[in-house]
Amino acid sequence: MLKLIGTRLALAVPQLLLVSALVFLLVYLVPGSAAALILGDAAASPEEIARVEAQLGLDRPFFVRLFDWIGAALQGDLGTSLQSGRPVAELIAEKLPATLSLIAGGLLVAMLVGIGLGVLAGTHARRPIDRGVTAFTSLLQAIPEFWLGLLLVLVFVIQLGVAPVVAWVPPEQDFWGWARGLILPALALGAGASALIARQTRTAIAAALSSRYADTLTAAGVPRQRIIWVYALKNAMVPVLAASALAVSILFGTSLVMERVFAFPGVGSMLVNAVIGKDFPLVQGTVLVVAIIIIAVNLIVDICYGIINPKARPQ
């Protein structure tokens, strides 16, 4: 197991370096000057712009700036926001709890709904129930998350008034208010990902129940429900874990839009505002932190995969 963790960590380092370089390159290629943005004056003279660029080190070669930024990031220094003048790491730390709460809620919905529908379809493979579940999951995957979010707001917030208008409440301030506020955003966010998990679960359950081992257990008098929930579902967890890791990446991307729909003060909303305002240090730092979280989630999934399936561990 330690060898598996070491291998995955060794692979994570070049991934992070590549992401850092790509983000830095994209920001570098964006037209416009960060110095002009700081000066906030469209009529700023070239001399003033050059002076600020020299102060910020923006006049140095690209690779020098890249390595300096990576070195500072390794020490926890992600730079300073051009808009607020505050440390980027501090801004991300303020917004990250809301985003992580939203993604955790969306993943919980995706796994509960996905595994439930997958087991239902897999135990009725090639029957009307299976076809109905397949059609429903296809519909879930086809509906844009932002449209579903707007529909939920219209019905449950505006029409029925049973959901809170303000979706985000810090849990330390009001735990139940935090939980209630997460319901609609989590449902909208996790709907599409649940279809992915449902299909993986359905395929694995159907394959397990049609195996010789399942036939042997049936002949031995083992109850069908025990075969489904103990044997078949255990085998299904391997592809479900892989689908869940992919779902986390999808949920992070979707949360950019969902935070705008539900007025969530998270990293996604902050990133969109930073892109619009050309706050390049904030964009770079936010993307790097999101990449670290996604890589960490994949590492955890790989470890769980190795625990469930010892054959996957490196010899």
Protein backbone atom coordinates (compact mmCIF):
# COMPACT_ATOMS: atom_id res chain seq x y z
CA MET A 1 0.00 0.00 0.00
CA LEU A 2 2.87 2.39 0.80
CA LYS A 3 4.32 1.68 -2.63
CA LEU A 4 0.97 2.55 -4.23
CA ILE A 5 0.80 5.85 -2.33
CA GLY A 6 4.40 6.67 -3.23
CA THR A 7 3.77 5.95 -6.91
CA ARG A 8 0.67 8.13 -7.02
CA LEU A 9 2.42 10.98 -5.19
CA ALA A 10 5.33 10.76 -7.63
CA LEU A 11 2.87 11.09 -10.52
CA ALA A 12 1.08 14.00 -8.85
CA VAL A 13 4.19 16.22 -8.78
CA PRO A 14 4.64 16.54 -12.58
CA GLN A 15 0.88 16.96 -12.95
CA LEU A 16 0.90 19.95 -10.62
CA LEU A 17 3.96 21.44 -12.32
CA LEU A 18 2.29 21.04 -15.72
CA VAL A 19 -0.94 22.66 -14.52
CA SER A 20 1.02 25.52 -12.96
CA ALA A 21 2.96 26.12 -16.16
CA LEU A 22 -0.16 26.00 -18.36
CA VAL A 23 -2.10 28.41 -16.15
CA PHE A 24 0.85 30.78 -15.97
CA LEU A 25 1.26 30.61 -19.76
CA LEU A 26 -2.42 31.31 -20.42
CA VAL A 27 -2.35 34.32 -18.10
CA TYR A 28 0.89 35.49 -19.72
CA LEU A 29 -0.76 35.38 -23.18
CA VAL A 30 -3.82 37.40 -22.11
CA PRO A 31 -3.69 40.85 -23.74
CA GLY A 32 -3.46 43.85 -21.46
CA SER A 33 -1.16 44.91 -18.68
CA ALA A 34 -1.56 44.12 -15.01
CA ALA A 35 0.31 47.33 -14.27
CA ALA A 36 -2.28 49.37 -16.17
CA LEU A 37 -5.02 47.61 -14.18
CA ILE A 38 -3.33 48.53 -10.91
CA LEU A 39 -2.93 52.16 -11.96
CA GLY A 40 -6.62 52.23 -12.84
CA ASP A 41 -6.13 55.05 -15.27
CA ALA A 42 -6.72 54.55 -18.98
CA ALA A 43 -4.47 57.55 -19.67
CA ALA A 44 -1.51 56.19 -17.69
CA SER A 45 1.74 56.99 -19.43
CA PRO A 46 4.06 54.25 -20.72
CA GLU A 47 6.65 55.41 -18.18
CA GLU A 48 4.23 54.87 -15.27
CA ILE A 49 3.25 51.45 -16.58
CA ALA A 50 6.91 50.48 -17.00
CA ARG A 51 7.67 51.63 -13.45
CA VAL A 52 4.89 49.48 -11.93
CA GLU A 53 5.88 46.49 -14.09
CA ALA A 54 9.44 46.80 -12.79
CA GLN A 55 8.17 46.94 -9.19
CA LEU A 56 6.09 43.78 -9.73
CA GLY A 57 8.82 42.01 -11.68
CA LEU A 58 6.62 41.82 -14.78
CA ASP A 59 9.49 43.00 -16.96
CA ARG A 60 11.51 39.85 -16.27
CA PRO A 61 11.67 36.86 -18.69
CA PHE A 62 8.75 34.43 -18.70
CA PHE A 63 10.60 31.42 -17.26
CA VAL A 64 12.16 33.46 -14.47
CA ARG A 65 8.72 34.66 -13.40
CA LEU A 66 7.30 31.13 -13.71
CA PHE A 67 9.95 29.52 -11.49
CA ASP A 68 9.69 32.35 -8.97
CA TRP A 69 5.91 31.88 -8.80
CA ILE A 70 6.18 28.10 -8.37
CA GLY A 71 8.83 28.55 -5.67
CA ALA A 72 6.64 31.03 -3.80
CA ALA A 73 3.59 28.75 -4.19
CA LEU A 74 5.52 25.88 -2.59
CA GLN A 75 5.93 28.13 0.45
CA GLY A 76 2.21 28.97 0.51
CA ASP A 77 2.58 32.39 -1.11
CA LEU A 78 0.21 32.65 -4.08
CA GLY A 79 0.73 36.35 -4.58
CA THR A 80 -1.47 39.37 -3.96
CA SER A 81 -4.83 40.14 -5.56
CA LEU A 82 -4.68 43.09 -7.95
CA GLN A 83 -8.26 44.10 -7.12
CA SER A 84 -8.37 43.87 -3.33
CA GLY A 85 -4.67 44.03 -2.47
CA ARG A 86 -5.10 41.05 -0.12
CA PRO A 87 -3.10 37.80 -0.22
CA VAL A 88 -4.54 35.32 -2.71
CA ALA A 89 -4.19 32.43 -0.25
CA GLU A 90 -6.27 34.34 2.29
CA LEU A 91 -9.05 35.03 -0.24
CA ILE A 92 -9.15 31.39 -1.33
CA ALA A 93 -9.27 30.20 2.29
CA GLU A 94 -12.34 32.40 2.87
CA LYS A 95 -14.23 31.12 -0.19
CA LEU A 96 -13.17 27.47 -0.24
CA PRO A 97 -15.52 26.18 2.53
CA ALA A 98 -18.61 27.21 0.53
CA THR A 99 -17.35 25.50 -2.63
CA LEU A 100 -16.28 22.33 -0.82
CA SER A 101 -19.67 22.17 0.92
CA LEU A 102 -21.45 22.49 -2.42
CA ILE A 103 -19.30 19.85 -4.11
CA ALA A 104 -19.56 17.44 -1.16
CA GLY A 105 -23.35 17.83 -1.24
CA GLY A 106 -23.44 17.31 -4.99
CA LEU A 107 -21.23 14.21 -4.74
CA LEU A 108 -23.41 12.79 -1.95
CA VAL A 109 -26.52 13.26 -4.10
CA ALA A 110 -24.76 11.77 -7.12
CA MET A 111 -23.64 8.66 -5.22
CA LEU A 112 -26.93 8.03 -3.40
CA VAL A 113 -29.07 8.52 -6.50
CA GLY A 114 -26.56 6.91 -8.86
CA ILE A 115 -25.95 3.78 -6.80
CA GLY A 116 -29.67 3.40 -6.04
CA LEU A 117 -30.69 3.69 -9.69
CA GLY A 118 -27.77 1.51 -10.78
CA VAL A 119 -28.72 -1.30 -8.41
CA LEU A 120 -32.37 -1.05 -9.50
CA ALA A 121 -31.43 -1.25 -13.18
CA GLY A 122 -28.75 -3.91 -12.71
CA THR A 123 -31.08 -6.26 -10.83
CA HIS A 124 -33.66 -5.91 -13.62
CA ALA A 125 -31.25 -6.00 -16.57
CA ARG A 126 -32.85 -5.96 -20.04
CA ARG A 127 -36.31 -5.51 -18.53
CA PRO A 128 -38.70 -2.54 -18.66
CA ILE A 129 -37.39 -1.17 -15.33
CA ASP A 130 -33.84 -1.23 -16.71
CA ARG A 131 -34.91 0.61 -19.86
CA GLY A 132 -36.85 3.14 -17.81
CA VAL A 133 -33.88 3.86 -15.54
CA THR A 134 -31.59 4.16 -18.57
CA ALA A 135 -33.96 6.68 -20.17
CA PHE A 136 -34.20 8.65 -16.92
CA THR A 137 -30.42 8.82 -16.44
CA SER A 138 -30.01 9.90 -20.06
CA LEU A 139 -32.46 12.71 -19.36
CA LEU A 140 -30.55 13.73 -16.23
CA GLN A 141 -27.31 13.86 -18.19
CA ALA A 142 -28.88 15.89 -20.99
CA ILE A 143 -30.40 18.60 -18.78
CA PRO A 144 -28.00 21.54 -18.27
CA GLU A 145 -27.25 21.93 -14.57
CA PHE A 146 -27.77 25.69 -14.63
CA TRP A 147 -31.24 25.22 -16.18
CA LEU A 148 -32.16 22.66 -13.52
CA GLY A 149 -30.86 25.03 -10.85
CA LEU A 150 -32.97 27.90 -12.17
CA LEU A 151 -36.01 25.61 -12.32
CA LEU A 152 -35.52 24.54 -8.69
CA VAL A 153 -35.18 28.17 -7.61
CA LEU A 154 -38.35 29.11 -9.51
CA VAL A 155 -40.42 26.28 -8.03
CA PHE A 156 -39.15 25.87 -4.46
CA VAL A 157 -37.94 29.38 -3.64
CA ILE A 158 -40.19 31.73 -5.61
CA GLN A 159 -43.41 29.74 -6.11
CA LEU A 160 -43.63 27.50 -3.02
CA GLY A 161 -41.35 29.44 -0.68
CA VAL A 162 -40.16 26.26 1.07
CA ALA A 163 -36.45 26.81 0.42
CA PRO A 164 -34.30 29.65 1.76
CA VAL A 165 -33.62 32.62 -0.51
CA VAL A 166 -30.02 32.82 0.70
CA ALA A 167 -28.46 29.42 -0.06
CA TRP A 168 -25.19 29.80 1.87
CA VAL A 169 -25.02 30.08 5.63
CA PRO A 170 -21.74 29.19 7.41
CA PRO A 171 -22.24 25.94 9.40
CA GLU A 172 -20.67 27.42 12.53
CA GLN A 173 -23.29 30.17 12.42
CA ASP A 174 -26.38 28.02 11.75
CA PHE A 175 -25.84 24.32 11.04
CA TRP A 176 -29.41 23.53 10.02
CA GLY A 177 -29.61 26.66 7.92
CA TRP A 178 -26.40 25.54 6.21
CA ALA A 179 -27.86 22.08 5.56
CA ARG A 180 -31.19 23.46 4.25
CA GLY A 181 -29.40 25.90 2.00
CA LEU A 182 -27.36 23.10 0.42
CA ILE A 183 -30.31 20.93 -0.61
CA LEU A 184 -31.31 22.64 -3.87
CA PRO A 185 -27.76 23.46 -5.08
CA ALA A 186 -26.62 19.90 -4.29
CA LEU A 187 -29.58 18.40 -6.16
CA ALA A 188 -28.94 20.54 -9.22
CA LEU A 189 -25.19 19.94 -9.12
CA GLY A 190 -25.31 16.19 -8.53
CA ALA A 191 -28.04 15.30 -11.04
CA GLY A 192 -25.78 14.94 -14.06
CA ALA A 193 -23.03 13.11 -12.16
CA SER A 194 -25.58 10.64 -10.74
CA ALA A 195 -26.27 9.44 -14.29
CA LEU A 196 -22.59 8.58 -14.76
CA ILE A 197 -22.43 6.65 -11.49
CA ALA A 198 -25.76 4.91 -12.20
CA ARG A 199 -24.52 3.53 -15.52
CA GLN A 200 -21.29 2.22 -14.00
CA THR A 201 -23.19 0.64 -11.10
CA ARG A 202 -25.78 -0.92 -13.40
CA THR A 203 -23.14 -2.55 -15.60
CA ALA A 204 -21.17 -3.91 -12.63
CA ILE A 205 -24.26 -5.23 -10.80
CA ALA A 206 -25.63 -6.93 -13.93
CA ALA A 207 -22.25 -8.57 -14.62
CA ALA A 208 -21.90 -9.77 -11.02
CA LEU A 209 -25.40 -11.26 -10.89
CA SER A 210 -24.87 -13.14 -14.16
CA SER A 211 -21.57 -14.68 -13.01
CA ARG A 212 -21.09 -18.31 -12.06
CA TYR A 213 -20.28 -17.34 -8.48
CA ALA A 214 -23.70 -15.69 -8.12
CA ASP A 215 -25.33 -18.82 -9.55
CA THR A 216 -23.41 -20.92 -7.02
CA LEU A 217 -24.56 -18.71 -4.13
CA THR A 218 -28.16 -18.95 -5.36
CA ALA A 219 -27.92 -22.74 -5.58
CA ALA A 220 -26.51 -22.81 -2.05
CA GLY A 221 -29.62 -21.04 -0.78
CA VAL A 222 -28.11 -17.61 -0.14
CA PRO A 223 -30.92 -14.99 -0.21
CA ARG A 224 -30.97 -12.87 -3.37
CA GLN A 225 -30.92 -9.61 -1.41
CA ARG A 226 -27.73 -10.71 0.34
CA ILE A 227 -26.14 -11.59 -3.00
CA ILE A 228 -27.05 -8.15 -4.37
CA TRP A 229 -26.03 -5.98 -1.43
CA VAL A 230 -23.03 -7.95 -0.15
CA TYR A 231 -21.40 -9.63 -3.14
CA ALA A 232 -22.56 -7.73 -6.24
CA LEU A 233 -22.40 -4.25 -4.73
CA LYS A 234 -18.88 -4.87 -3.39
CA ASN A 235 -17.71 -5.70 -6.91
CA ALA A 236 -19.55 -2.65 -8.23
CA MET A 237 -17.67 -0.29 -5.90
CA VAL A 238 -14.51 -0.46 -8.02
CA PRO A 239 -16.02 1.23 -11.12
CA VAL A 240 -18.16 3.43 -8.86
CA LEU A 241 -15.02 4.82 -7.20
CA ALA A 242 -13.52 5.55 -10.60
CA ALA A 243 -16.72 7.28 -11.70
CA SER A 244 -16.81 9.26 -8.44
CA ALA A 245 -13.29 10.59 -9.03
CA LEU A 246 -14.33 11.73 -12.50
CA ALA A 247 -17.51 13.20 -11.02
CA VAL A 248 -15.49 15.41 -8.64
CA SER A 249 -13.69 16.99 -11.60
CA ILE A 250 -17.02 17.54 -13.35
CA LEU A 251 -18.59 18.99 -10.21
CA PHE A 252 -15.78 21.51 -9.80
CA GLY A 253 -16.36 22.74 -13.35
CA THR A 254 -20.13 22.83 -12.96
CA SER A 255 -19.90 24.65 -9.63
CA LEU A 256 -18.58 27.72 -11.49
CA VAL A 257 -22.06 28.20 -12.96
CA MET A 258 -24.04 26.80 -10.03
CA GLU A 259 -22.52 29.28 -7.59
CA ARG A 260 -23.75 32.10 -9.79
CA VAL A 261 -27.27 30.63 -9.95
CA PHE A 262 -27.60 30.22 -6.17
CA ALA A 263 -25.49 33.27 -5.23
CA PHE A 264 -22.96 31.03 -3.48
CA PRO A 265 -19.92 33.01 -2.24
CA GLY A 266 -17.48 30.31 -3.29
CA VAL A 267 -14.28 29.88 -5.25
CA GLY A 268 -16.18 29.55 -8.54
CA SER A 269 -17.82 32.97 -8.26
CA MET A 270 -14.52 34.48 -7.17
CA LEU A 271 -12.72 32.92 -10.14
CA VAL A 272 -15.28 34.24 -12.63
CA ASN A 273 -14.99 37.74 -11.14
CA ALA A 274 -11.19 37.47 -11.22
CA VAL A 275 -11.22 36.53 -14.91
CA ILE A 276 -13.58 39.40 -15.75
CA GLY A 277 -11.46 41.84 -13.73
CA LYS A 278 -8.16 40.45 -15.09
CA ASP A 279 -6.96 39.72 -11.56
CA PHE A 280 -4.23 37.38 -12.81
CA PRO A 281 -2.64 36.34 -9.47
CA LEU A 282 -6.06 35.37 -8.13
CA VAL A 283 -6.83 33.36 -11.28
CA GLN A 284 -3.50 31.51 -11.08
CA GLY A 285 -3.79 30.76 -7.37
CA THR A 286 -7.40 29.59 -7.58
CA VAL A 287 -6.80 27.22 -10.50
CA LEU A 288 -3.73 25.79 -8.75
CA VAL A 289 -5.66 25.11 -5.52
CA VAL A 290 -8.51 23.46 -7.44
CA ALA A 291 -5.99 21.27 -9.30
CA ILE A 292 -4.40 20.24 -5.99
CA ILE A 293 -7.80 19.25 -4.58
CA ILE A 294 -8.72 17.21 -7.68
CA ILE A 295 -5.35 15.41 -7.65
CA ALA A 296 -5.75 14.73 -3.91
CA VAL A 297 -9.22 13.26 -4.49
CA ASN A 298 -7.85 11.00 -7.22
CA LEU A 299 -5.08 9.89 -4.86
CA ILE A 300 -7.64 8.98 -2.18
CA VAL A 301 -9.70 7.08 -4.77
CA ASP A 302 -6.61 5.17 -5.91
CA ILE A 303 -5.87 4.20 -2.30
CA CYS A 304 -9.46 3.03 -1.78
CA TYR A 305 -9.25 1.13 -5.07
CA GLY A 306 -6.10 -0.61 -3.84
CA ILE A 307 -7.82 -1.57 -0.58
CA ILE A 308 -10.87 -3.02 -2.36
CA ASN A 309 -8.88 -4.66 -5.15
CA PRO A 310 -5.42 -5.79 -3.89
CA LYS A 311 -4.51 -6.94 -7.42
CA ALA A 312 -4.30 -3.27 -8.45
CA ARG A 313 -1.44 -2.59 -6.04
CA PRO A 314 2.03 -2.36 -7.59
CA GLN A 315 4.12 -5.45 -6.88
